[in-house]
Amino acid sequence: ARAHLLWTVNPLMLWAVIGGDHIDGLAAGLGILGIVAARTVTAGPGAKIPPARALAAGLLVGAAIGVKAPYAPLGLALAWSCRNSVKAVAAAAVGGIATLVPGYVIAGHAALTDLVWRGSNLVTFDSFWRLFYPPFGYSAMPRGLEVLAALGCVAVAALLAWRLPAGPAHLPAVRPAVALMVAWLLVWPLQRPWYDAIAFCLLAVFTASRLDWLMLVRAVPAALAVATGAGGQPHPPWLTQLIAFTGNDLSPWVRLATVIAAIALCTLNAWSPIWPRPAGRTLEPAVPS
């Protein structure tokens, strides 16, 4: 039920990704399949991913990065999960190159130009960075913002990697993928509600924790603001004001509070679920009628 509510029937993602017709759903699907494909035969610190599985994981993760370049941290997570086997690392690298490079060759020079130029010249309207410098946008980018944001992403990723609960025993790539992708979502200035797709599908296979609620609360105002204002259609004045308040005023503060909460939960090591299951209680199998 938790996995379905976070991913399969998450109304926020159905609204932002499916309703908005964004390609992030494809990228997230390829990415999560790649991370899950990197499965070990045994559990434990020295467990190795078979080269064949590493190759399949590399093919899928490379394809995901080809669809959405910011999914590159998934490649780092995969490489880290393969660190116990040189053959697995090589297989994953070959798989990633085999799908990523042809994609950019087909797309051509325009893809690289758009990635480098536009990706570094936009702070979204609901970004918490606007709280510190309101004129952020296409033509108002303080020098060094990308460096500052990148350092923030690295710092938050390190905190998450240090304190997050252990991930699934046979899926070593899940936990580093969660740490890296959530850090990017929390800190990077360029954000859209549909970017959260990769976080929710990863959380669906990760250990239950307060991070579930943190990401859900964070996504609500941004998803509402974009979905209700999609297409630029004329609205009644009260709805226009509500959209502006939700996106421009409420969402930046919610996003900033989420960053602060994540840092606090890491510092206190308080990621346990809000409603933990009673000790010794297990789910009963369904009884056929």
C-alpha atoms as a PDB file:
ATOM      1  CA  ALA A   1       0.000   0.000   0.000  1.00  0.00           C
ATOM      2  CA  ARG A   2       2.817   2.395   0.859  1.00  0.00           C
ATOM      3  CA  ALA A   3       4.614   1.738  -2.420  1.00  0.00           C
ATOM      4  CA  HIS A   4       1.448   2.349  -4.431  1.00  0.00           C
ATOM      5  CA  LEU A   5       0.575   5.544  -2.555  1.00  0.00           C
ATOM      6  CA  LEU A   6       4.088   6.905  -3.054  1.00  0.00           C
ATOM      7  CA  TRP A   7       4.366   5.998  -6.718  1.00  0.00           C
ATOM      8  CA  THR A   8       1.702   4.085  -8.647  1.00  0.00           C
ATOM      9  CA  VAL A   9      -1.347   6.104  -7.553  1.00  0.00           C
ATOM     10  CA  ASN A  10       0.329   9.118  -5.967  1.00  0.00           C
ATOM     11  CA  PRO A  11      -2.136  11.911  -6.908  1.00  0.00           C
ATOM     12  CA  LEU A  12       0.641  14.511  -6.938  1.00  0.00           C
ATOM     13  CA  MET A  13       2.591  12.571  -9.549  1.00  0.00           C
ATOM     14  CA  LEU A  14      -0.501  11.621 -11.542  1.00  0.00           C
ATOM     15  CA  TRP A  15      -1.350  15.318 -11.657  1.00  0.00           C
ATOM     16  CA  ALA A  16       2.135  16.694 -12.352  1.00  0.00           C
ATOM     17  CA  VAL A  17       3.684  13.974 -14.524  1.00  0.00           C
ATOM     18  CA  ILE A  18       0.810  12.207 -16.282  1.00  0.00           C
ATOM     19  CA  GLY A  19      -1.598  15.137 -16.410  1.00  0.00           C
ATOM     20  CA  GLY A  20       1.206  17.453 -17.474  1.00  0.00           C
ATOM     21  CA  ASP A  21       2.470  15.000 -20.112  1.00  0.00           C
ATOM     22  CA  HIS A  22       6.088  15.201 -18.947  1.00  0.00           C
ATOM     23  CA  ILE A  23       8.831  12.822 -20.021  1.00  0.00           C
ATOM     24  CA  ASP A  24      10.083  12.532 -16.433  1.00  0.00           C
ATOM     25  CA  GLY A  25       7.818   9.514 -15.979  1.00  0.00           C
ATOM     26  CA  LEU A  26       9.809   7.642 -18.652  1.00  0.00           C
ATOM     27  CA  ALA A  27      13.147   8.720 -17.179  1.00  0.00           C
ATOM     28  CA  ALA A  28      12.095   7.735 -13.660  1.00  0.00           C
ATOM     29  CA  GLY A  29      10.799   4.376 -14.902  1.00  0.00           C
ATOM     30  CA  LEU A  30      14.068   3.572 -16.665  1.00  0.00           C
ATOM     31  CA  GLY A  31      16.073   4.800 -13.675  1.00  0.00           C
ATOM     32  CA  ILE A  32      14.257   2.762 -11.045  1.00  0.00           C
ATOM     33  CA  LEU A  33      14.422  -0.358 -13.231  1.00  0.00           C
ATOM     34  CA  GLY A  34      18.181   0.129 -13.522  1.00  0.00           C
ATOM     35  CA  ILE A  35      18.646   0.626  -9.788  1.00  0.00           C
ATOM     36  CA  VAL A  36      16.544  -2.462  -9.002  1.00  0.00           C
ATOM     37  CA  ALA A  37      18.346  -4.527 -11.653  1.00  0.00           C
ATOM     38  CA  ALA A  38      21.593  -4.035  -9.691  1.00  0.00           C
ATOM     39  CA  ARG A  39      20.691  -6.847  -7.320  1.00  0.00           C
ATOM     40  CA  THR A  40      23.177  -8.930  -5.354  1.00  0.00           C
ATOM     41  CA  VAL A  41      22.912 -12.691  -4.956  1.00  0.00           C
ATOM     42  CA  THR A  42      23.745 -12.526  -1.250  1.00  0.00           C
ATOM     43  CA  ALA A  43      23.355  -9.788   1.359  1.00  0.00           C
ATOM     44  CA  GLY A  44      26.142  -8.159   3.346  1.00  0.00           C
ATOM     45  CA  PRO A  45      28.990  -5.629   3.018  1.00  0.00           C
ATOM     46  CA  GLY A  46      30.996  -7.773   0.603  1.00  0.00           C
ATOM     47  CA  ALA A  47      28.115  -8.844  -1.616  1.00  0.00           C
ATOM     48  CA  LYS A  48      28.760  -8.510  -5.347  1.00  0.00           C
ATOM     49  CA  ILE A  49      26.454  -7.698  -8.228  1.00  0.00           C
ATOM     50  CA  PRO A  50      26.820 -10.243 -11.060  1.00  0.00           C
ATOM     51  CA  PRO A  51      28.304  -8.630 -14.212  1.00  0.00           C
ATOM     52  CA  ALA A  52      25.225  -9.529 -16.281  1.00  0.00           C
ATOM     53  CA  ARG A  53      22.957  -7.653 -13.872  1.00  0.00           C
ATOM     54  CA  ALA A  54      25.394  -4.751 -13.732  1.00  0.00           C
ATOM     55  CA  LEU A  55      25.327  -4.555 -17.527  1.00  0.00           C
ATOM     56  CA  ALA A  56      21.517  -4.506 -17.575  1.00  0.00           C
ATOM     57  CA  ALA A  57      21.505  -1.859 -14.832  1.00  0.00           C
ATOM     58  CA  GLY A  58      23.993   0.254 -16.793  1.00  0.00           C
ATOM     59  CA  LEU A  59      21.897   0.059 -19.955  1.00  0.00           C
ATOM     60  CA  LEU A  60      18.785   1.230 -18.105  1.00  0.00           C
ATOM     61  CA  VAL A  61      20.466   3.962 -16.055  1.00  0.00           C
ATOM     62  CA  GLY A  62      22.278   5.241 -19.148  1.00  0.00           C
ATOM     63  CA  ALA A  63      18.947   5.439 -20.941  1.00  0.00           C
ATOM     64  CA  ALA A  64      17.422   7.317 -18.005  1.00  0.00           C
ATOM     65  CA  ILE A  65      20.263   9.861 -18.063  1.00  0.00           C
ATOM     66  CA  GLY A  66      19.808  10.198 -21.809  1.00  0.00           C
ATOM     67  CA  VAL A  67      16.176  11.146 -21.247  1.00  0.00           C
ATOM     68  CA  LYS A  68      16.899  13.514 -18.319  1.00  0.00           C
ATOM     69  CA  ALA A  69      20.488  14.662 -17.784  1.00  0.00           C
ATOM     70  CA  PRO A  70      19.996  15.514 -14.074  1.00  0.00           C
ATOM     71  CA  TYR A  71      19.564  11.780 -13.447  1.00  0.00           C
ATOM     72  CA  ALA A  72      23.351  11.423 -13.769  1.00  0.00           C
ATOM     73  CA  PRO A  73      23.680  10.840  -9.980  1.00  0.00           C
ATOM     74  CA  LEU A  74      21.984   7.488 -10.562  1.00  0.00           C
ATOM     75  CA  GLY A  75      25.141   6.505 -12.410  1.00  0.00           C
ATOM     76  CA  LEU A  76      27.216   7.367  -9.343  1.00  0.00           C
ATOM     77  CA  ALA A  77      24.879   5.317  -7.154  1.00  0.00           C
ATOM     78  CA  LEU A  78      25.207   2.357  -9.507  1.00  0.00           C
ATOM     79  CA  ALA A  79      28.993   2.656  -9.593  1.00  0.00           C
ATOM     80  CA  TRP A  80      29.127   2.738  -5.785  1.00  0.00           C
ATOM     81  CA  SER A  81      26.949  -0.366  -5.532  1.00  0.00           C
ATOM     82  CA  CYS A  82      29.317  -2.214  -7.904  1.00  0.00           C
ATOM     83  CA  ARG A  83      32.495  -1.221  -6.038  1.00  0.00           C
ATOM     84  CA  ASN A  84      33.152  -4.763  -4.750  1.00  0.00           C
ATOM     85  CA  SER A  85      33.658  -6.142  -8.263  1.00  0.00           C
ATOM     86  CA  VAL A  86      35.828  -4.715 -11.041  1.00  0.00           C
ATOM     87  CA  LYS A  87      33.873  -6.787 -13.560  1.00  0.00           C
ATOM     88  CA  ALA A  88      30.583  -5.328 -12.343  1.00  0.00           C
ATOM     89  CA  VAL A  89      31.909  -1.760 -12.559  1.00  0.00           C
ATOM     90  CA  ALA A  90      33.172  -2.378 -16.097  1.00  0.00           C
ATOM     91  CA  ALA A  91      29.899  -4.005 -17.158  1.00  0.00           C
ATOM     92  CA  ALA A  92      27.824  -1.137 -15.735  1.00  0.00           C
ATOM     93  CA  ALA A  93      30.058   1.429 -17.480  1.00  0.00           C
ATOM     94  CA  VAL A  94      29.781  -0.366 -20.825  1.00  0.00           C
ATOM     95  CA  GLY A  95      26.010  -0.550 -20.483  1.00  0.00           C
ATOM     96  CA  GLY A  96      25.690   3.120 -19.590  1.00  0.00           C
ATOM     97  CA  ILE A  97      27.884   4.269 -22.483  1.00  0.00           C
ATOM     98  CA  ALA A  98      26.039   1.985 -24.902  1.00  0.00           C
ATOM     99  CA  THR A  99      22.749   3.817 -24.351  1.00  0.00           C
ATOM    100  CA  LEU A 100      23.809   7.311 -23.302  1.00  0.00           C
ATOM    101  CA  VAL A 101      26.278   8.184 -26.057  1.00  0.00           C
ATOM    102  CA  PRO A 102      24.074   7.189 -29.026  1.00  0.00           C
ATOM    103  CA  GLY A 103      21.246   9.227 -27.531  1.00  0.00           C
ATOM    104  CA  TYR A 104      23.301  12.412 -27.560  1.00  0.00           C
ATOM    105  CA  VAL A 105      24.699  11.608 -31.002  1.00  0.00           C
ATOM    106  CA  ILE A 106      21.148  11.343 -32.346  1.00  0.00           C
ATOM    107  CA  ALA A 107      19.993  14.504 -30.533  1.00  0.00           C
ATOM    108  CA  GLY A 108      22.993  16.426 -31.800  1.00  0.00           C
ATOM    109  CA  HIS A 109      24.722  19.606 -30.683  1.00  0.00           C
ATOM    110  CA  ALA A 110      21.462  21.327 -29.713  1.00  0.00           C
ATOM    111  CA  ALA A 111      21.004  18.942 -26.780  1.00  0.00           C
ATOM    112  CA  LEU A 112      24.375  19.856 -25.271  1.00  0.00           C
ATOM    113  CA  THR A 113      23.815  23.563 -25.883  1.00  0.00           C
ATOM    114  CA  ASP A 114      20.445  23.518 -24.151  1.00  0.00           C
ATOM    115  CA  LEU A 115      21.852  21.489 -21.272  1.00  0.00           C
ATOM    116  CA  VAL A 116      24.742  23.866 -20.611  1.00  0.00           C
ATOM    117  CA  TRP A 117      23.038  27.197 -21.283  1.00  0.00           C
ATOM    118  CA  ARG A 118      19.444  26.905 -20.117  1.00  0.00           C
ATOM    119  CA  GLY A 119      20.191  24.646 -17.175  1.00  0.00           C
ATOM    120  CA  SER A 120      22.406  27.332 -15.684  1.00  0.00           C
ATOM    121  CA  ASN A 121      20.132  30.324 -16.336  1.00  0.00           C
ATOM    122  CA  LEU A 122      16.916  29.609 -14.541  1.00  0.00           C
ATOM    123  CA  VAL A 123      15.661  29.672 -10.978  1.00  0.00           C
ATOM    124  CA  THR A 124      12.069  28.513 -10.861  1.00  0.00           C
ATOM    125  CA  PHE A 125       9.340  30.728  -9.445  1.00  0.00           C
ATOM    126  CA  ASP A 126       8.790  28.455  -6.429  1.00  0.00           C
ATOM    127  CA  SER A 127      12.470  27.956  -5.533  1.00  0.00           C
ATOM    128  CA  PHE A 128      13.527  28.792  -1.967  1.00  0.00           C
ATOM    129  CA  TRP A 129      16.533  30.654  -3.435  1.00  0.00           C
ATOM    130  CA  ARG A 130      14.147  33.507  -4.264  1.00  0.00           C
ATOM    131  CA  LEU A 131      13.699  34.120  -0.542  1.00  0.00           C
ATOM    132  CA  PHE A 132      17.324  35.283  -0.434  1.00  0.00           C
ATOM    133  CA  TYR A 133      17.369  37.098  -3.779  1.00  0.00           C
ATOM    134  CA  PRO A 134      13.865  37.826  -5.187  1.00  0.00           C
ATOM    135  CA  PRO A 135      14.951  38.911  -8.712  1.00  0.00           C
ATOM    136  CA  PHE A 136      16.242  35.394  -9.537  1.00  0.00           C
ATOM    137  CA  GLY A 137      15.341  34.373 -13.048  1.00  0.00           C
ATOM    138  CA  TYR A 138      16.522  34.268 -16.632  1.00  0.00           C
ATOM    139  CA  SER A 139      18.411  37.572 -16.482  1.00  0.00           C
ATOM    140  CA  ALA A 140      19.227  37.873 -12.781  1.00  0.00           C
ATOM    141  CA  MET A 141      21.706  35.165 -11.813  1.00  0.00           C
ATOM    142  CA  PRO A 142      24.310  36.127  -9.218  1.00  0.00           C
ATOM    143  CA  ARG A 143      27.793  34.962 -10.109  1.00  0.00           C
ATOM    144  CA  GLY A 144      28.727  31.688  -8.471  1.00  0.00           C
ATOM    145  CA  LEU A 145      25.176  30.493  -7.787  1.00  0.00           C
ATOM    146  CA  GLU A 146      25.778  27.142  -9.508  1.00  0.00           C
ATOM    147  CA  VAL A 147      28.902  26.522  -7.420  1.00  0.00           C
ATOM    148  CA  LEU A 148      27.115  27.410  -4.185  1.00  0.00           C
ATOM    149  CA  ALA A 149      24.142  25.204  -5.047  1.00  0.00           C
ATOM    150  CA  ALA A 150      26.419  22.312  -6.064  1.00  0.00           C
ATOM    151  CA  LEU A 151      28.278  22.524  -2.744  1.00  0.00           C
ATOM    152  CA  GLY A 152      24.930  22.523  -0.949  1.00  0.00           C
ATOM    153  CA  CYS A 153      23.842  19.422  -2.865  1.00  0.00           C
ATOM    154  CA  VAL A 154      27.066  17.616  -1.955  1.00  0.00           C
ATOM    155  CA  ALA A 155      26.738  18.567   1.715  1.00  0.00           C
ATOM    156  CA  VAL A 156      23.107  17.426   1.976  1.00  0.00           C
ATOM    157  CA  ALA A 157      23.883  14.215   0.050  1.00  0.00           C
ATOM    158  CA  ALA A 158      26.707  13.466   2.477  1.00  0.00           C
ATOM    159  CA  LEU A 159      24.408  14.013   5.458  1.00  0.00           C
ATOM    160  CA  LEU A 160      21.751  11.748   3.975  1.00  0.00           C
ATOM    161  CA  ALA A 161      24.310   9.069   3.110  1.00  0.00           C
ATOM    162  CA  TRP A 162      25.540   9.221   6.707  1.00  0.00           C
ATOM    163  CA  ARG A 163      22.187   9.071   8.465  1.00  0.00           C
ATOM    164  CA  LEU A 164      19.511   7.514   6.260  1.00  0.00           C
ATOM    165  CA  PRO A 165      18.224   4.075   7.292  1.00  0.00           C
ATOM    166  CA  ALA A 166      19.719   1.002   5.684  1.00  0.00           C
ATOM    167  CA  GLY A 167      18.227   0.208   2.310  1.00  0.00           C
ATOM    168  CA  PRO A 168      17.015  -3.147   0.959  1.00  0.00           C
ATOM    169  CA  ALA A 169      19.637  -5.822   1.665  1.00  0.00           C
ATOM    170  CA  HIS A 170      19.862  -7.126  -1.907  1.00  0.00           C
ATOM    171  CA  LEU A 171      19.544  -3.723  -3.628  1.00  0.00           C
ATOM    172  CA  PRO A 172      22.715  -1.801  -2.694  1.00  0.00           C
ATOM    173  CA  ALA A 173      22.135   0.973  -5.245  1.00  0.00           C
ATOM    174  CA  VAL A 174      18.837   2.141  -3.733  1.00  0.00           C
ATOM    175  CA  ARG A 175      20.191   3.937  -0.670  1.00  0.00           C
ATOM    176  CA  PRO A 176      22.909   5.981  -2.448  1.00  0.00           C
ATOM    177  CA  ALA A 177      20.429   6.781  -5.211  1.00  0.00           C
ATOM    178  CA  VAL A 178      17.959   8.141  -2.651  1.00  0.00           C
ATOM    179  CA  ALA A 179      20.662  10.227  -0.952  1.00  0.00           C
ATOM    180  CA  LEU A 180      21.930  11.744  -4.206  1.00  0.00           C
ATOM    181  CA  MET A 181      18.606  12.392  -5.947  1.00  0.00           C
ATOM    182  CA  VAL A 182      16.847  13.764  -2.862  1.00  0.00           C
ATOM    183  CA  ALA A 183      19.781  16.116  -2.213  1.00  0.00           C
ATOM    184  CA  TRP A 184      19.510  17.400  -5.779  1.00  0.00           C
ATOM    185  CA  LEU A 185      15.762  17.908  -5.444  1.00  0.00           C
ATOM    186  CA  LEU A 186      16.072  19.685  -2.107  1.00  0.00           C
ATOM    187  CA  VAL A 187      18.849  22.143  -2.967  1.00  0.00           C
ATOM    188  CA  TRP A 188      19.218  22.735  -6.712  1.00  0.00           C
ATOM    189  CA  PRO A 189      17.614  26.049  -7.833  1.00  0.00           C
ATOM    190  CA  LEU A 190      16.002  24.685 -11.014  1.00  0.00           C
ATOM    191  CA  GLN A 191      13.049  22.554  -9.910  1.00  0.00           C
ATOM    192  CA  ARG A 192       9.662  21.486 -11.229  1.00  0.00           C
ATOM    193  CA  PRO A 193       6.995  19.352  -9.510  1.00  0.00           C
ATOM    194  CA  TRP A 194       7.414  16.573 -12.074  1.00  0.00           C
ATOM    195  CA  TYR A 195      11.119  16.276 -11.170  1.00  0.00           C
ATOM    196  CA  ASP A 196       9.973  14.589  -7.927  1.00  0.00           C
ATOM    197  CA  ALA A 197       9.015  11.475  -9.893  1.00  0.00           C
ATOM    198  CA  ILE A 198      12.460   9.942  -9.373  1.00  0.00           C
ATOM    199  CA  ALA A 199      12.283  10.522  -5.609  1.00  0.00           C
ATOM    200  CA  PHE A 200       8.914   8.861  -5.134  1.00  0.00           C
ATOM    201  CA  CYS A 201       9.672   5.753  -7.178  1.00  0.00           C
ATOM    202  CA  LEU A 202      12.930   5.316  -5.233  1.00  0.00           C
ATOM    203  CA  LEU A 203      11.185   5.830  -1.901  1.00  0.00           C
ATOM    204  CA  ALA A 204       8.645   3.178  -2.884  1.00  0.00           C
ATOM    205  CA  VAL A 205      11.394   0.526  -2.718  1.00  0.00           C
ATOM    206  CA  PHE A 206      13.330   2.156   0.137  1.00  0.00           C
ATOM    207  CA  THR A 207      12.893   1.712   3.880  1.00  0.00           C
ATOM    208  CA  ALA A 208       9.857   3.517   5.334  1.00  0.00           C
ATOM    209  CA  SER A 209      10.935   6.671   7.166  1.00  0.00           C
ATOM    210  CA  ARG A 210      10.011  10.294   7.825  1.00  0.00           C
ATOM    211  CA  LEU A 211      11.538  11.099   4.447  1.00  0.00           C
ATOM    212  CA  ASP A 212       8.301   9.828   2.859  1.00  0.00           C
ATOM    213  CA  TRP A 213       6.288  12.555   4.558  1.00  0.00           C
ATOM    214  CA  LEU A 214       8.956  15.193   4.029  1.00  0.00           C
ATOM    215  CA  MET A 215       8.897  14.733   0.256  1.00  0.00           C
ATOM    216  CA  LEU A 216       5.101  14.476   0.114  1.00  0.00           C
ATOM    217  CA  VAL A 217       4.540  17.724   2.042  1.00  0.00           C
ATOM    218  CA  ARG A 218       7.186  19.463  -0.050  1.00  0.00           C
ATOM    219  CA  ALA A 219       5.489  18.477  -3.305  1.00  0.00           C
ATOM    220  CA  VAL A 220       1.972  19.676  -2.486  1.00  0.00           C
ATOM    221  CA  PRO A 221       2.125  23.478  -3.033  1.00  0.00           C
ATOM    222  CA  ALA A 222       4.355  23.295  -6.094  1.00  0.00           C
ATOM    223  CA  ALA A 223       2.183  20.662  -7.771  1.00  0.00           C
ATOM    224  CA  LEU A 224      -1.004  22.609  -7.020  1.00  0.00           C
ATOM    225  CA  ALA A 225       0.406  25.879  -8.352  1.00  0.00           C
ATOM    226  CA  VAL A 226       1.609  24.414 -11.637  1.00  0.00           C
ATOM    227  CA  ALA A 227      -1.345  22.116 -12.284  1.00  0.00           C
ATOM    228  CA  THR A 228      -3.991  24.784 -11.697  1.00  0.00           C
ATOM    229  CA  GLY A 229      -2.113  27.289 -13.834  1.00  0.00           C
ATOM    230  CA  ALA A 230      -1.201  24.925 -16.676  1.00  0.00           C
ATOM    231  CA  GLY A 231      -1.658  26.276 -20.162  1.00  0.00           C
ATOM    232  CA  GLY A 232      -1.919  29.918 -19.146  1.00  0.00           C
ATOM    233  CA  GLN A 233      -5.696  29.866 -19.439  1.00  0.00           C
ATOM    234  CA  PRO A 234      -7.637  32.828 -17.996  1.00  0.00           C
ATOM    235  CA  HIS A 235      -8.940  32.248 -14.482  1.00  0.00           C
ATOM    236  CA  PRO A 236     -11.294  34.055 -12.118  1.00  0.00           C
ATOM    237  CA  PRO A 237      -9.386  36.689 -10.092  1.00  0.00           C
ATOM    238  CA  TRP A 238      -9.621  34.708  -6.854  1.00  0.00           C
ATOM    239  CA  LEU A 239      -8.091  31.617  -8.506  1.00  0.00           C
ATOM    240  CA  THR A 240      -5.303  33.658 -10.077  1.00  0.00           C
ATOM    241  CA  GLN A 241      -4.460  35.085  -6.649  1.00  0.00           C
ATOM    242  CA  LEU A 242      -4.555  31.616  -5.080  1.00  0.00           C
ATOM    243  CA  ILE A 243      -2.204  30.209  -7.723  1.00  0.00           C
ATOM    244  CA  ALA A 244       0.204  33.125  -7.246  1.00  0.00           C
ATOM    245  CA  PHE A 245       0.178  32.725  -3.453  1.00  0.00           C
ATOM    246  CA  THR A 246       0.665  28.950  -3.591  1.00  0.00           C
ATOM    247  CA  GLY A 247       3.540  29.080  -6.070  1.00  0.00           C
ATOM    248  CA  ASN A 248       5.306  32.347  -5.343  1.00  0.00           C
ATOM    249  CA  ASP A 249       4.793  32.694  -1.589  1.00  0.00           C
ATOM    250  CA  LEU A 250       3.946  29.357   0.016  1.00  0.00           C
ATOM    251  CA  SER A 251       6.043  26.888  -1.978  1.00  0.00           C
ATOM    252  CA  PRO A 252       9.463  28.591  -1.449  1.00  0.00           C
ATOM    253  CA  TRP A 253       8.960  28.552   2.319  1.00  0.00           C
ATOM    254  CA  VAL A 254       7.824  24.920   2.280  1.00  0.00           C
ATOM    255  CA  ARG A 255      10.863  23.963   0.204  1.00  0.00           C
ATOM    256  CA  LEU A 256      13.203  25.817   2.577  1.00  0.00           C
ATOM    257  CA  ALA A 257      11.543  24.222   5.610  1.00  0.00           C
ATOM    258  CA  THR A 258      12.046  20.816   4.000  1.00  0.00           C
ATOM    259  CA  VAL A 259      15.781  21.417   3.636  1.00  0.00           C
ATOM    260  CA  ILE A 260      16.039  22.533   7.263  1.00  0.00           C
ATOM    261  CA  ALA A 261      13.969  19.554   8.421  1.00  0.00           C
ATOM    262  CA  ALA A 262      16.135  17.110   6.449  1.00  0.00           C
ATOM    263  CA  ILE A 263      19.299  18.540   8.003  1.00  0.00           C
ATOM    264  CA  ALA A 264      17.732  18.398  11.473  1.00  0.00           C
ATOM    265  CA  LEU A 265      16.563  14.802  11.034  1.00  0.00           C
ATOM    266  CA  CYS A 266      20.045  13.814   9.857  1.00  0.00           C
ATOM    267  CA  THR A 267      21.676  15.564  12.805  1.00  0.00           C
ATOM    268  CA  LEU A 268      19.299  13.933  15.307  1.00  0.00           C
ATOM    269  CA  ASN A 269      19.238  10.613  13.437  1.00  0.00           C
ATOM    270  CA  ALA A 270      15.445  10.681  13.697  1.00  0.00           C
ATOM    271  CA  TRP A 271      14.353   9.069  10.439  1.00  0.00           C
ATOM    272  CA  SER A 272      12.191   6.398  12.080  1.00  0.00           C
ATOM    273  CA  PRO A 273       8.633   6.278  10.686  1.00  0.00           C
ATOM    274  CA  ILE A 274       6.101   8.588  12.323  1.00  0.00           C
ATOM    275  CA  TRP A 275       3.835   5.626  13.000  1.00  0.00           C
ATOM    276  CA  PRO A 276       6.148   2.630  13.463  1.00  0.00           C
ATOM    277  CA  ARG A 277       4.665  -0.846  13.248  1.00  0.00           C
ATOM    278  CA  PRO A 278       4.352  -2.480  16.701  1.00  0.00           C
ATOM    279  CA  ALA A 279       7.178  -4.886  17.509  1.00  0.00           C
ATOM    280  CA  GLY A 280       6.511  -8.427  16.383  1.00  0.00           C
ATOM    281  CA  ARG A 281       3.493  -7.501  14.268  1.00  0.00           C
ATOM    282  CA  THR A 282       3.433  -8.898  10.752  1.00  0.00           C
ATOM    283  CA  LEU A 283       1.001  -8.501   7.906  1.00  0.00           C
ATOM    284  CA  GLU A 284      -1.454 -11.351   7.624  1.00  0.00           C
ATOM    285  CA  PRO A 285      -1.794 -12.988   4.210  1.00  0.00           C
ATOM    286  CA  ALA A 286      -5.026 -12.345   2.359  1.00  0.00           C
ATOM    287  CA  VAL A 287      -7.701 -14.958   3.019  1.00  0.00           C
ATOM    288  CA  PRO A 288      -9.532 -16.027  -0.151  1.00  0.00           C
ATOM    289  CA  SER A 289     -13.287 -15.603   0.053  1.00  0.00           C
END
